[in-house]
């Protein structure tokens, strides 16, 4: 679980799906292995500033078409979304549904820069 304190504008969120019966918003985002949306921006900066240019892979799947697989992967998240006084608000914690499973959602390909 991560907090709802992070800024949605600093994250590349996609694939939104609202489940009205549960007042739940599901979405995907590219995250690092810790599945923590709060630290993605910091880890992105550390990745860009790293002086290490070599990469080691533990599988043969290191490229997808013309893109190398980077340090991030796509993962699924949910959060409660409520309408109060005509405004939509997030409530509670954001849940990383695939945390600890080593599974990824949709495509695990991330453009490396």
PDB file of N, CA and C in Angstrom:
ATOM      1  N   UNK A   1       0.839  -1.185   0.000  1.00  0.00           N
ATOM      2  CA  UNK A   1       0.000   0.000   0.000  1.00  0.00           C
ATOM      3  C   UNK A   1       0.882   1.245   0.000  1.00  0.00           C
ATOM      4  N   UNK A   2       0.441   2.216  -0.725  1.00  0.00           N
ATOM      5  CA  UNK A   2       1.114   3.504  -0.705  1.00  0.00           C
ATOM      6  C   UNK A   2       0.102   4.560  -0.320  1.00  0.00           C
ATOM      7  N   UNK A   3       0.578   5.702   0.058  1.00  0.00           N
ATOM      8  CA  UNK A   3      -0.329   6.746   0.509  1.00  0.00           C
ATOM      9  C   UNK A   3      -0.980   7.445  -0.670  1.00  0.00           C
ATOM     10  N   UNK A   4      -2.015   8.224  -0.402  1.00  0.00           N
ATOM     11  CA  UNK A   4      -2.642   9.028  -1.446  1.00  0.00           C
ATOM     12  C   UNK A   4      -2.062  10.433  -1.437  1.00  0.00           C
ATOM     13  N   UNK A   5      -0.942  10.616  -0.746  1.00  0.00           N
ATOM     14  CA  UNK A   5      -0.316  11.927  -0.623  1.00  0.00           C
ATOM     15  C   UNK A   5       0.481  12.323  -1.864  1.00  0.00           C
ATOM     16  N   UNK A   6       0.826  11.341  -2.716  1.00  0.00           N
ATOM     17  CA  UNK A   6       1.650  11.663  -3.874  1.00  0.00           C
ATOM     18  C   UNK A   6       0.856  12.517  -4.862  1.00  0.00           C
ATOM     19  N   UNK A   7       1.572  13.200  -5.727  1.00  0.00           N
ATOM     20  CA  UNK A   7       0.933  14.036  -6.738  1.00  0.00           C
ATOM     21  C   UNK A   7       0.673  13.209  -7.985  1.00  0.00           C
ATOM     22  N   UNK A   8      -0.579  13.115  -8.406  1.00  0.00           N
ATOM     23  CA  UNK A   8      -0.922  12.351  -9.594  1.00  0.00           C
ATOM     24  C   UNK A   8      -0.236  12.900 -10.836  1.00  0.00           C
ATOM     25  N   UNK A   9       0.101  14.173 -10.833  1.00  0.00           N
ATOM     26  CA  UNK A   9       0.693  14.789 -12.010  1.00  0.00           C
ATOM     27  C   UNK A   9       2.135  14.371 -12.233  1.00  0.00           C
ATOM     28  N   UNK A  10       2.790  13.839 -11.233  1.00  0.00           N
ATOM     29  CA  UNK A  10       4.195  13.452 -11.386  1.00  0.00           C
ATOM     30  C   UNK A  10       4.345  12.007 -11.830  1.00  0.00           C
ATOM     31  N   UNK A  11       3.270  11.296 -12.023  1.00  0.00           N
ATOM     32  CA  UNK A  11       3.323   9.889 -12.375  1.00  0.00           C
ATOM     33  C   UNK A  11       2.615   9.635 -13.700  1.00  0.00           C
ATOM     34  N   UNK A  12       3.150   8.733 -14.464  1.00  0.00           N
ATOM     35  CA  UNK A  12       2.533   8.346 -15.725  1.00  0.00           C
ATOM     36  C   UNK A  12       1.523   7.239 -15.447  1.00  0.00           C
ATOM     37  N   UNK A  13       0.324   7.634 -15.096  1.00  0.00           N
ATOM     38  CA  UNK A  13      -0.742   6.683 -14.816  1.00  0.00           C
ATOM     39  C   UNK A  13      -1.550   6.466 -16.089  1.00  0.00           C
ATOM     40  N   UNK A  14      -2.067   5.251 -16.264  1.00  0.00           N
ATOM     41  CA  UNK A  14      -2.853   4.970 -17.465  1.00  0.00           C
ATOM     42  C   UNK A  14      -3.839   3.848 -17.202  1.00  0.00           C
ATOM     43  N   UNK A  15      -4.601   3.518 -18.232  1.00  0.00           N
ATOM     44  CA  UNK A  15      -5.551   2.394 -18.200  1.00  0.00           C
ATOM     45  C   UNK A  15      -6.539   2.497 -17.039  1.00  0.00           C
ATOM     46  N   UNK A  16      -7.145   3.651 -16.885  1.00  0.00           N
ATOM     47  CA  UNK A  16      -8.090   3.879 -15.793  1.00  0.00           C
ATOM     48  C   UNK A  16      -9.369   3.085 -16.003  1.00  0.00           C
ATOM     49  N   UNK A  17      -9.887   2.521 -14.939  1.00  0.00           N
ATOM     50  CA  UNK A  17     -11.159   1.805 -14.952  1.00  0.00           C
ATOM     51  C   UNK A  17     -11.860   2.077 -13.637  1.00  0.00           C
ATOM     52  N   UNK A  18     -13.062   2.660 -13.706  1.00  0.00           N
ATOM     53  CA  UNK A  18     -13.837   2.933 -12.503  1.00  0.00           C
ATOM     54  C   UNK A  18     -14.846   1.813 -12.312  1.00  0.00           C
ATOM     55  N   UNK A  19     -14.900   1.258 -11.119  1.00  0.00           N
ATOM     56  CA  UNK A  19     -15.844   0.208 -10.776  1.00  0.00           C
ATOM     57  C   UNK A  19     -16.896   0.816  -9.858  1.00  0.00           C
ATOM     58  N   UNK A  20     -18.046   1.250 -10.433  1.00  0.00           N
ATOM     59  CA  UNK A  20     -19.044   1.978  -9.645  1.00  0.00           C
ATOM     60  C   UNK A  20     -19.594   1.200  -8.451  1.00  0.00           C
ATOM     61  N   UNK A  21     -19.794  -0.095  -8.594  1.00  0.00           N
ATOM     62  CA  UNK A  21     -20.369  -0.890  -7.510  1.00  0.00           C
ATOM     63  C   UNK A  21     -19.495  -0.881  -6.264  1.00  0.00           C
ATOM     64  N   UNK A  22     -18.203  -0.680  -6.446  1.00  0.00           N
ATOM     65  CA  UNK A  22     -17.276  -0.667  -5.307  1.00  0.00           C
ATOM     66  C   UNK A  22     -16.656   0.698  -5.069  1.00  0.00           C
ATOM     67  N   UNK A  23     -17.036   1.706  -5.868  1.00  0.00           N
ATOM     68  CA  UNK A  23     -16.429   3.045  -5.794  1.00  0.00           C
ATOM     69  C   UNK A  23     -14.909   2.955  -5.815  1.00  0.00           C
ATOM     70  N   UNK A  24     -14.403   2.138  -6.724  1.00  0.00           N
ATOM     71  CA  UNK A  24     -12.969   1.887  -6.809  1.00  0.00           C
ATOM     72  C   UNK A  24     -12.438   2.311  -8.164  1.00  0.00           C
ATOM     73  N   UNK A  25     -11.291   2.966  -8.144  1.00  0.00           N
ATOM     74  CA  UNK A  25     -10.596   3.335  -9.363  1.00  0.00           C
ATOM     75  C   UNK A  25      -9.386   2.415  -9.501  1.00  0.00           C
ATOM     76  N   UNK A  26      -9.302   1.721 -10.621  1.00  0.00           N
ATOM     77  CA  UNK A  26      -8.143   0.871 -10.911  1.00  0.00           C
ATOM     78  C   UNK A  26      -7.339   1.558 -12.011  1.00  0.00           C
ATOM     79  N   UNK A  27      -6.018   1.435 -11.943  1.00  0.00           N
ATOM     80  CA  UNK A  27      -5.159   2.032 -12.958  1.00  0.00           C
ATOM     81  C   UNK A  27      -3.824   1.306 -12.976  1.00  0.00           C
ATOM     82  N   UNK A  28      -3.059   1.565 -14.017  1.00  0.00           N
ATOM     83  CA  UNK A  28      -1.715   0.996 -14.077  1.00  0.00           C
ATOM     84  C   UNK A  28      -0.699   2.120 -14.080  1.00  0.00           C
ATOM     85  N   UNK A  29       0.509   1.790 -13.671  1.00  0.00           N
ATOM     86  CA  UNK A  29       1.604   2.760 -13.647  1.00  0.00           C
ATOM     87  C   UNK A  29       2.914   2.010 -13.739  1.00  0.00           C
ATOM     88  N   UNK A  30       3.916   2.658 -14.336  1.00  0.00           N
ATOM     89  CA  UNK A  30       5.257   2.084 -14.372  1.00  0.00           C
ATOM     90  C   UNK A  30       5.958   2.400 -13.062  1.00  0.00           C
ATOM     91  N   UNK A  31       6.392   1.331 -12.380  1.00  0.00           N
ATOM     92  CA  UNK A  31       7.036   1.467 -11.077  1.00  0.00           C
ATOM     93  C   UNK A  31       8.275   0.578 -11.011  1.00  0.00           C
ATOM     94  N   UNK A  32       9.074   0.796  -9.997  1.00  0.00           N
ATOM     95  CA  UNK A  32      10.238  -0.047  -9.739  1.00  0.00           C
ATOM     96  C   UNK A  32       9.804  -1.259  -8.922  1.00  0.00           C
ATOM     97  N   UNK A  33      10.718  -2.142  -8.613  1.00  0.00           N
ATOM     98  CA  UNK A  33      10.379  -3.395  -7.928  1.00  0.00           C
ATOM     99  C   UNK A  33       9.696  -3.209  -6.581  1.00  0.00           C
ATOM    100  N   UNK A  34       9.894  -2.058  -5.934  1.00  0.00           N
ATOM    101  CA  UNK A  34       9.251  -1.847  -4.627  1.00  0.00           C
ATOM    102  C   UNK A  34       7.767  -1.501  -4.754  1.00  0.00           C
ATOM    103  N   UNK A  35       7.267  -1.270  -5.983  1.00  0.00           N
ATOM    104  CA  UNK A  35       5.852  -0.977  -6.257  1.00  0.00           C
ATOM    105  C   UNK A  35       5.365   0.265  -5.513  1.00  0.00           C
ATOM    106  N   UNK A  36       6.241   1.185  -5.212  1.00  0.00           N
ATOM    107  CA  UNK A  36       5.902   2.371  -4.419  1.00  0.00           C
ATOM    108  C   UNK A  36       5.784   3.600  -5.317  1.00  0.00           C
ATOM    109  N   UNK A  37       4.570   4.093  -5.506  1.00  0.00           N
ATOM    110  CA  UNK A  37       4.351   5.275  -6.342  1.00  0.00           C
ATOM    111  C   UNK A  37       5.009   6.523  -5.755  1.00  0.00           C
ATOM    112  N   UNK A  38       5.175   6.544  -4.445  1.00  0.00           N
ATOM    113  CA  UNK A  38       5.758   7.704  -3.782  1.00  0.00           C
ATOM    114  C   UNK A  38       7.232   7.911  -4.128  1.00  0.00           C
ATOM    115  N   UNK A  39       7.925   6.850  -4.529  1.00  0.00           N
ATOM    116  CA  UNK A  39       9.365   6.963  -4.755  1.00  0.00           C
ATOM    117  C   UNK A  39       9.769   6.889  -6.227  1.00  0.00           C
ATOM    118  N   UNK A  40       8.815   6.794  -7.138  1.00  0.00           N
ATOM    119  CA  UNK A  40       9.140   6.649  -8.561  1.00  0.00           C
ATOM    120  C   UNK A  40       9.953   7.832  -9.076  1.00  0.00           C
ATOM    121  N   UNK A  41       9.543   9.039  -8.761  1.00  0.00           N
ATOM    122  CA  UNK A  41      10.249  10.216  -9.263  1.00  0.00           C
ATOM    123  C   UNK A  41      11.698  10.248  -8.757  1.00  0.00           C
ATOM    124  N   UNK A  42      11.901   9.970  -7.484  1.00  0.00           N
ATOM    125  CA  UNK A  42      13.251   9.945  -6.915  1.00  0.00           C
ATOM    126  C   UNK A  42      14.103   8.856  -7.577  1.00  0.00           C
ATOM    127  N   UNK A  43      13.521   7.662  -7.751  1.00  0.00           N
ATOM    128  CA  UNK A  43      14.263   6.572  -8.379  1.00  0.00           C
ATOM    129  C   UNK A  43      14.552   6.862  -9.853  1.00  0.00           C
ATOM    130  N   UNK A  44      13.638   7.563 -10.542  1.00  0.00           N
ATOM    131  CA  UNK A  44      13.890   7.985 -11.923  1.00  0.00           C
ATOM    132  C   UNK A  44      15.113   8.895 -11.990  1.00  0.00           C
ATOM    133  N   UNK A  45      15.191   9.842 -11.062  1.00  0.00           N
ATOM    134  CA  UNK A  45      16.323  10.766 -11.031  1.00  0.00           C
ATOM    135  C   UNK A  45      17.627  10.030 -10.730  1.00  0.00           C
ATOM    136  N   UNK A  46      17.578   9.086  -9.778  1.00  0.00           N
ATOM    137  CA  UNK A  46      18.763   8.302  -9.448  1.00  0.00           C
ATOM    138  C   UNK A  46      19.206   7.465 -10.649  1.00  0.00           C
ATOM    139  N   UNK A  47      18.244   6.904 -11.380  1.00  0.00           N
ATOM    140  CA  UNK A  47      18.554   6.091 -12.559  1.00  0.00           C
ATOM    141  C   UNK A  47      19.231   6.949 -13.634  1.00  0.00           C
ATOM    142  N   UNK A  48      18.716   8.148 -13.857  1.00  0.00           N
ATOM    143  CA  UNK A  48      19.286   9.039 -14.868  1.00  0.00           C
ATOM    144  C   UNK A  48      20.678   9.535 -14.472  1.00  0.00           C
ATOM    145  N   UNK A  49      20.908   9.749 -13.195  1.00  0.00           N
ATOM    146  CA  UNK A  49      22.183  10.277 -12.707  1.00  0.00           C
ATOM    147  C   UNK A  49      23.247   9.190 -12.511  1.00  0.00           C
ATOM    148  N   UNK A  50      22.856   7.929 -12.598  1.00  0.00           N
ATOM    149  CA  UNK A  50      23.790   6.831 -12.370  1.00  0.00           C
ATOM    150  C   UNK A  50      24.895   6.831 -13.418  1.00  0.00           C
ATOM    151  N   UNK A  51      26.092   6.585 -12.968  1.00  0.00           N
ATOM    152  CA  UNK A  51      27.231   6.522 -13.878  1.00  0.00           C
ATOM    153  C   UNK A  51      27.408   5.112 -14.453  1.00  0.00           C
ATOM    154  N   UNK A  52      26.582   4.187 -14.021  1.00  0.00           N
ATOM    155  CA  UNK A  52      26.644   2.815 -14.511  1.00  0.00           C
ATOM    156  C   UNK A  52      25.911   2.741 -15.853  1.00  0.00           C
ATOM    157  N   UNK A  53      26.607   2.259 -16.869  1.00  0.00           N
ATOM    158  CA  UNK A  53      25.998   2.165 -18.194  1.00  0.00           C
ATOM    159  C   UNK A  53      25.778   0.710 -18.624  1.00  0.00           C
ATOM    160  N   UNK A  54      26.345  -0.230 -17.903  1.00  0.00           N
ATOM    161  CA  UNK A  54      26.175  -1.641 -18.238  1.00  0.00           C
ATOM    162  C   UNK A  54      24.870  -2.154 -17.633  1.00  0.00           C
ATOM    163  N   UNK A  55      24.297  -3.157 -18.275  1.00  0.00           N
ATOM    164  CA  UNK A  55      23.087  -3.798 -17.751  1.00  0.00           C
ATOM    165  C   UNK A  55      23.289  -5.298 -17.763  1.00  0.00           C
ATOM    166  N   UNK A  56      22.804  -5.966 -16.745  1.00  0.00           N
ATOM    167  CA  UNK A  56      22.843  -7.424 -16.681  1.00  0.00           C
ATOM    168  C   UNK A  56      21.404  -7.929 -16.668  1.00  0.00           C
ATOM    169  N   UNK A  57      21.128  -8.922 -17.479  1.00  0.00           N
ATOM    170  CA  UNK A  57      19.785  -9.494 -17.555  1.00  0.00           C
ATOM    171  C   UNK A  57      19.847 -10.954 -17.140  1.00  0.00           C
ATOM    172  N   UNK A  58      18.795 -11.426 -16.477  1.00  0.00           N
ATOM    173  CA  UNK A  58      18.764 -12.825 -16.060  1.00  0.00           C
ATOM    174  C   UNK A  58      17.807 -13.655 -16.908  1.00  0.00           C
ATOM    175  N   UNK A  59      17.393 -13.105 -18.052  1.00  0.00           N
ATOM    176  CA  UNK A  59      16.577 -13.850 -19.000  1.00  0.00           C
ATOM    177  C   UNK A  59      16.945 -13.394 -20.410  1.00  0.00           C
ATOM    178  N   UNK A  60      16.491 -14.123 -21.389  1.00  0.00           N
ATOM    179  CA  UNK A  60      16.808 -13.775 -22.769  1.00  0.00           C
ATOM    180  C   UNK A  60      15.940 -12.644 -23.310  1.00  0.00           C
ATOM    181  N   UNK A  61      14.875 -12.338 -22.634  1.00  0.00           N
ATOM    182  CA  UNK A  61      13.943 -11.312 -23.095  1.00  0.00           C
ATOM    183  C   UNK A  61      14.422  -9.935 -22.616  1.00  0.00           C
ATOM    184  N   UNK A  62      15.354  -9.349 -23.374  1.00  0.00           N
ATOM    185  CA  UNK A  62      15.910  -8.059 -22.974  1.00  0.00           C
ATOM    186  C   UNK A  62      15.420  -6.928 -23.871  1.00  0.00           C
ATOM    187  N   UNK A  63      14.798  -7.287 -24.990  1.00  0.00           N
ATOM    188  CA  UNK A  63      14.269  -6.283 -25.916  1.00  0.00           C
ATOM    189  C   UNK A  63      12.872  -6.686 -26.345  1.00  0.00           C
ATOM    190  N   UNK A  64      12.064  -5.699 -26.587  1.00  0.00           N
ATOM    191  CA  UNK A  64      10.759  -5.918 -27.191  1.00  0.00           C
ATOM    192  C   UNK A  64      10.695  -4.989 -28.389  1.00  0.00           C
ATOM    193  N   UNK A  65      10.774  -5.541 -29.564  1.00  0.00           N
ATOM    194  CA  UNK A  65      10.858  -4.782 -30.805  1.00  0.00           C
ATOM    195  C   UNK A  65      12.055  -3.848 -30.756  1.00  0.00           C
ATOM    196  N   UNK A  66      11.841  -2.563 -30.680  1.00  0.00           N
ATOM    197  CA  UNK A  66      12.967  -1.624 -30.707  1.00  0.00           C
ATOM    198  C   UNK A  66      13.211  -0.976 -29.357  1.00  0.00           C
ATOM    199  N   UNK A  67      12.695  -1.578 -28.297  1.00  0.00           N
ATOM    200  CA  UNK A  67      12.825  -0.998 -26.961  1.00  0.00           C
ATOM    201  C   UNK A  67      13.485  -2.004 -26.022  1.00  0.00           C
ATOM    202  N   UNK A  68      14.469  -1.519 -25.260  1.00  0.00           N
ATOM    203  CA  UNK A  68      15.069  -2.360 -24.228  1.00  0.00           C
ATOM    204  C   UNK A  68      14.187  -2.337 -22.991  1.00  0.00           C
ATOM    205  N   UNK A  69      14.203  -3.418 -22.270  1.00  0.00           N
ATOM    206  CA  UNK A  69      13.443  -3.472 -21.025  1.00  0.00           C
ATOM    207  C   UNK A  69      14.235  -2.704 -19.974  1.00  0.00           C
ATOM    208  N   UNK A  70      13.593  -1.716 -19.379  1.00  0.00           N
ATOM    209  CA  UNK A  70      14.257  -0.862 -18.401  1.00  0.00           C
ATOM    210  C   UNK A  70      14.041  -1.347 -16.987  1.00  0.00           C
ATOM    211  N   UNK A  71      14.347  -0.510 -16.017  1.00  0.00           N
ATOM    212  CA  UNK A  71      14.258  -0.910 -14.614  1.00  0.00           C
ATOM    213  C   UNK A  71      12.831  -0.921 -14.064  1.00  0.00           C
ATOM    214  N   UNK A  72      11.899  -0.327 -14.818  1.00  0.00           N
ATOM    215  CA  UNK A  72      10.518  -0.253 -14.327  1.00  0.00           C
ATOM    216  C   UNK A  72       9.636  -1.263 -15.065  1.00  0.00           C
ATOM    217  N   UNK A  73       8.519  -1.577 -14.445  1.00  0.00           N
ATOM    218  CA  UNK A  73       7.533  -2.461 -15.054  1.00  0.00           C
ATOM    219  C   UNK A  73       6.138  -1.917 -14.758  1.00  0.00           C
ATOM    220  N   UNK A  74       5.195  -2.331 -15.554  1.00  0.00           N
ATOM    221  CA  UNK A  74       3.812  -1.901 -15.378  1.00  0.00           C
ATOM    222  C   UNK A  74       3.165  -2.718 -14.268  1.00  0.00           C
ATOM    223  N   UNK A  75       2.438  -2.043 -13.390  1.00  0.00           N
ATOM    224  CA  UNK A  75       1.775  -2.726 -12.291  1.00  0.00           C
ATOM    225  C   UNK A  75       0.380  -2.152 -12.087  1.00  0.00           C
ATOM    226  N   UNK A  76      -0.484  -2.905 -11.436  1.00  0.00           N
ATOM    227  CA  UNK A  76      -1.872  -2.488 -11.197  1.00  0.00           C
ATOM    228  C   UNK A  76      -2.054  -1.921  -9.794  1.00  0.00           C
ATOM    229  N   UNK A  77      -2.906  -0.896  -9.704  1.00  0.00           N
ATOM    230  CA  UNK A  77      -3.205  -0.239  -8.432  1.00  0.00           C
ATOM    231  C   UNK A  77      -4.697   0.018  -8.331  1.00  0.00           C
ATOM    232  N   UNK A  78      -5.200   0.097  -7.113  1.00  0.00           N
ATOM    233  CA  UNK A  78      -6.588   0.502  -6.874  1.00  0.00           C
ATOM    234  C   UNK A  78      -6.628   1.504  -5.730  1.00  0.00           C
ATOM    235  N   UNK A  79      -7.670   2.339  -5.768  1.00  0.00           N
ATOM    236  CA  UNK A  79      -7.901   3.310  -4.703  1.00  0.00           C
ATOM    237  C   UNK A  79      -9.392   3.613  -4.666  1.00  0.00           C
ATOM    238  N   UNK A  80      -9.908   3.915  -3.492  1.00  0.00           N
ATOM    239  CA  UNK A  80     -11.307   4.302  -3.359  1.00  0.00           C
ATOM    240  C   UNK A  80     -11.507   5.702  -3.941  1.00  0.00           C
ATOM    241  N   UNK A  81     -12.547   5.877  -4.728  1.00  0.00           N
ATOM    242  CA  UNK A  81     -12.861   7.159  -5.343  1.00  0.00           C
ATOM    243  C   UNK A  81     -14.295   7.501  -4.990  1.00  0.00           C
ATOM    244  N   UNK A  82     -14.486   8.595  -4.265  1.00  0.00           N
ATOM    245  CA  UNK A  82     -15.808   8.979  -3.787  1.00  0.00           C
ATOM    246  C   UNK A  82     -16.184  10.362  -4.283  1.00  0.00           C
ATOM    247  N   UNK A  83     -17.472  10.558  -4.474  1.00  0.00           N
ATOM    248  CA  UNK A  83     -17.969  11.874  -4.868  1.00  0.00           C
ATOM    249  C   UNK A  83     -18.620  12.518  -3.646  1.00  0.00           C
ATOM    250  N   UNK A  84     -18.029  13.627  -3.217  1.00  0.00           N
ATOM    251  CA  UNK A  84     -18.527  14.341  -2.048  1.00  0.00           C
ATOM    252  C   UNK A  84     -18.764  15.796  -2.421  1.00  0.00           C
ATOM    253  N   UNK A  85     -19.938  16.278  -2.203  1.00  0.00           N
ATOM    254  CA  UNK A  85     -20.301  17.673  -2.499  1.00  0.00           C
ATOM    255  C   UNK A  85     -19.973  18.052  -3.935  1.00  0.00           C
ATOM    256  N   UNK A  86     -20.222  17.119  -4.848  1.00  0.00           N
ATOM    257  CA  UNK A  86     -19.994  17.385  -6.257  1.00  0.00           C
ATOM    258  C   UNK A  86     -18.560  17.265  -6.722  1.00  0.00           C
ATOM    259  N   UNK A  87     -17.647  16.901  -5.832  1.00  0.00           N
ATOM    260  CA  UNK A  87     -16.232  16.771  -6.204  1.00  0.00           C
ATOM    261  C   UNK A  87     -15.756  15.345  -5.938  1.00  0.00           C
ATOM    262  N   UNK A  88     -14.946  14.821  -6.844  1.00  0.00           N
ATOM    263  CA  UNK A  88     -14.383  13.491  -6.678  1.00  0.00           C
ATOM    264  C   UNK A  88     -13.122  13.567  -5.817  1.00  0.00           C
ATOM    265  N   UNK A  89     -13.015  12.656  -4.860  1.00  0.00           N
ATOM    266  CA  UNK A  89     -11.845  12.619  -3.986  1.00  0.00           C
ATOM    267  C   UNK A  89     -11.348  11.182  -3.839  1.00  0.00           C
ATOM    268  N   UNK A  90     -10.034  11.052  -3.684  1.00  0.00           N
ATOM    269  CA  UNK A  90      -9.450   9.758  -3.373  1.00  0.00           C
ATOM    270  C   UNK A  90      -9.522   9.574  -1.864  1.00  0.00           C
ATOM    271  N   UNK A  91      -9.837   8.374  -1.431  1.00  0.00           N
ATOM    272  CA  UNK A  91      -9.874   8.132   0.013  1.00  0.00           C
ATOM    273  C   UNK A  91      -9.173   6.819   0.323  1.00  0.00           C
ATOM    274  N   UNK A  92      -8.525   6.787   1.446  1.00  0.00           N
ATOM    275  CA  UNK A  92      -7.812   5.587   1.857  1.00  0.00           C
ATOM    276  C   UNK A  92      -6.460   5.466   1.189  1.00  0.00           C
ATOM    277  N   UNK A  93      -5.926   4.278   1.242  1.00  0.00           N
ATOM    278  CA  UNK A  93      -4.596   3.987   0.696  1.00  0.00           C
ATOM    279  C   UNK A  93      -4.711   3.476  -0.736  1.00  0.00           C
ATOM    280  N   UNK A  94      -3.672   3.714  -1.499  1.00  0.00           N
ATOM    281  CA  UNK A  94      -3.575   3.127  -2.828  1.00  0.00           C
ATOM    282  C   UNK A  94      -2.959   1.743  -2.659  1.00  0.00           C
ATOM    283  N   UNK A  95      -3.616   0.744  -3.207  1.00  0.00           N
ATOM    284  CA  UNK A  95      -3.163  -0.635  -3.063  1.00  0.00           C
ATOM    285  C   UNK A  95      -2.427  -1.074  -4.324  1.00  0.00           C
ATOM    286  N   UNK A  96      -1.233  -1.589  -4.161  1.00  0.00           N
ATOM    287  CA  UNK A  96      -0.452  -2.165  -5.259  1.00  0.00           C
ATOM    288  C   UNK A  96      -0.842  -3.638  -5.349  1.00  0.00           C
ATOM    289  N   UNK A  97      -1.706  -3.967  -6.293  1.00  0.00           N
ATOM    290  CA  UNK A  97      -2.280  -5.307  -6.355  1.00  0.00           C
ATOM    291  C   UNK A  97      -1.267  -6.402  -6.664  1.00  0.00           C
ATOM    292  N   UNK A  98      -0.222  -6.083  -7.402  1.00  0.00           N
ATOM    293  CA  UNK A  98       0.749  -7.101  -7.797  1.00  0.00           C
ATOM    294  C   UNK A  98       2.014  -7.095  -6.940  1.00  0.00           C
ATOM    295  N   UNK A  99       2.012  -6.327  -5.870  1.00  0.00           N
ATOM    296  CA  UNK A  99       3.192  -6.211  -5.017  1.00  0.00           C
ATOM    297  C   UNK A  99       3.610  -7.569  -4.465  1.00  0.00           C
ATOM    298  N   UNK A 100       4.875  -7.912  -4.698  1.00  0.00           N
ATOM    299  CA  UNK A 100       5.413  -9.151  -4.171  1.00  0.00           C
ATOM    300  C   UNK A 100       5.135 -10.380  -5.017  1.00  0.00           C
ATOM    301  N   UNK A 101       4.410 -10.241  -6.117  1.00  0.00           N
ATOM    302  CA  UNK A 101       4.066 -11.411  -6.928  1.00  0.00           C
ATOM    303  C   UNK A 101       5.035 -11.646  -8.067  1.00  0.00           C
ATOM    304  N   UNK A 102       5.838 -10.637  -8.433  1.00  0.00           N
ATOM    305  CA  UNK A 102       6.744 -10.674  -9.576  1.00  0.00           C
ATOM    306  C   UNK A 102       5.984 -10.759 -10.904  1.00  0.00           C
ATOM    307  N   UNK A 103       4.670 -10.483 -10.867  1.00  0.00           N
ATOM    308  CA  UNK A 103       3.871 -10.409 -12.087  1.00  0.00           C
ATOM    309  C   UNK A 103       3.776  -8.954 -12.505  1.00  0.00           C
ATOM    310  N   UNK A 104       3.504  -8.735 -13.761  1.00  0.00           N
ATOM    311  CA  UNK A 104       3.321  -7.379 -14.263  1.00  0.00           C
ATOM    312  C   UNK A 104       2.008  -7.311 -15.026  1.00  0.00           C
ATOM    313  N   UNK A 105       1.494  -6.110 -15.189  1.00  0.00           N
ATOM    314  CA  UNK A 105       0.253  -5.945 -15.927  1.00  0.00           C
ATOM    315  C   UNK A 105       0.533  -5.614 -17.371  1.00  0.00           C
ATOM    316  N   UNK A 106      -0.309  -6.048 -18.237  1.00  0.00           N
ATOM    317  CA  UNK A 106      -0.271  -5.757 -19.676  1.00  0.00           C
ATOM    318  C   UNK A 106       1.121  -5.950 -20.253  1.00  0.00           C
ATOM    319  N   UNK A 107       1.876  -4.889 -20.376  1.00  0.00           N
ATOM    320  CA  UNK A 107       3.193  -4.936 -20.999  1.00  0.00           C
ATOM    321  C   UNK A 107       4.231  -4.485 -19.988  1.00  0.00           C
ATOM    322  N   UNK A 108       5.304  -5.221 -19.893  1.00  0.00           N
ATOM    323  CA  UNK A 108       6.364  -4.838 -18.955  1.00  0.00           C
ATOM    324  C   UNK A 108       7.482  -4.077 -19.673  1.00  0.00           C
ATOM    325  N   UNK A 109       7.211  -3.626 -20.874  1.00  0.00           N
ATOM    326  CA  UNK A 109       8.231  -2.923 -21.646  1.00  0.00           C
ATOM    327  C   UNK A 109       8.225  -1.460 -21.262  1.00  0.00           C
ATOM    328  N   UNK A 110       9.381  -0.937 -20.927  1.00  0.00           N
ATOM    329  CA  UNK A 110       9.540   0.467 -20.583  1.00  0.00           C
ATOM    330  C   UNK A 110      10.653   1.017 -21.448  1.00  0.00           C
ATOM    331  N   UNK A 111      10.394   2.121 -22.120  1.00  0.00           N
ATOM    332  CA  UNK A 111      11.449   2.736 -22.925  1.00  0.00           C
ATOM    333  C   UNK A 111      12.586   3.173 -22.029  1.00  0.00           C
ATOM    334  N   UNK A 112      13.779   2.780 -22.373  1.00  0.00           N
ATOM    335  CA  UNK A 112      14.930   3.229 -21.606  1.00  0.00           C
ATOM    336  C   UNK A 112      15.482   4.487 -22.241  1.00  0.00           C
ATOM    337  N   UNK A 113      15.945   5.401 -21.403  1.00  0.00           N
ATOM    338  CA  UNK A 113      16.468   6.677 -21.908  1.00  0.00           C
ATOM    339  C   UNK A 113      17.928   6.828 -21.576  1.00  0.00           C
TER     340      UNK A 113
END
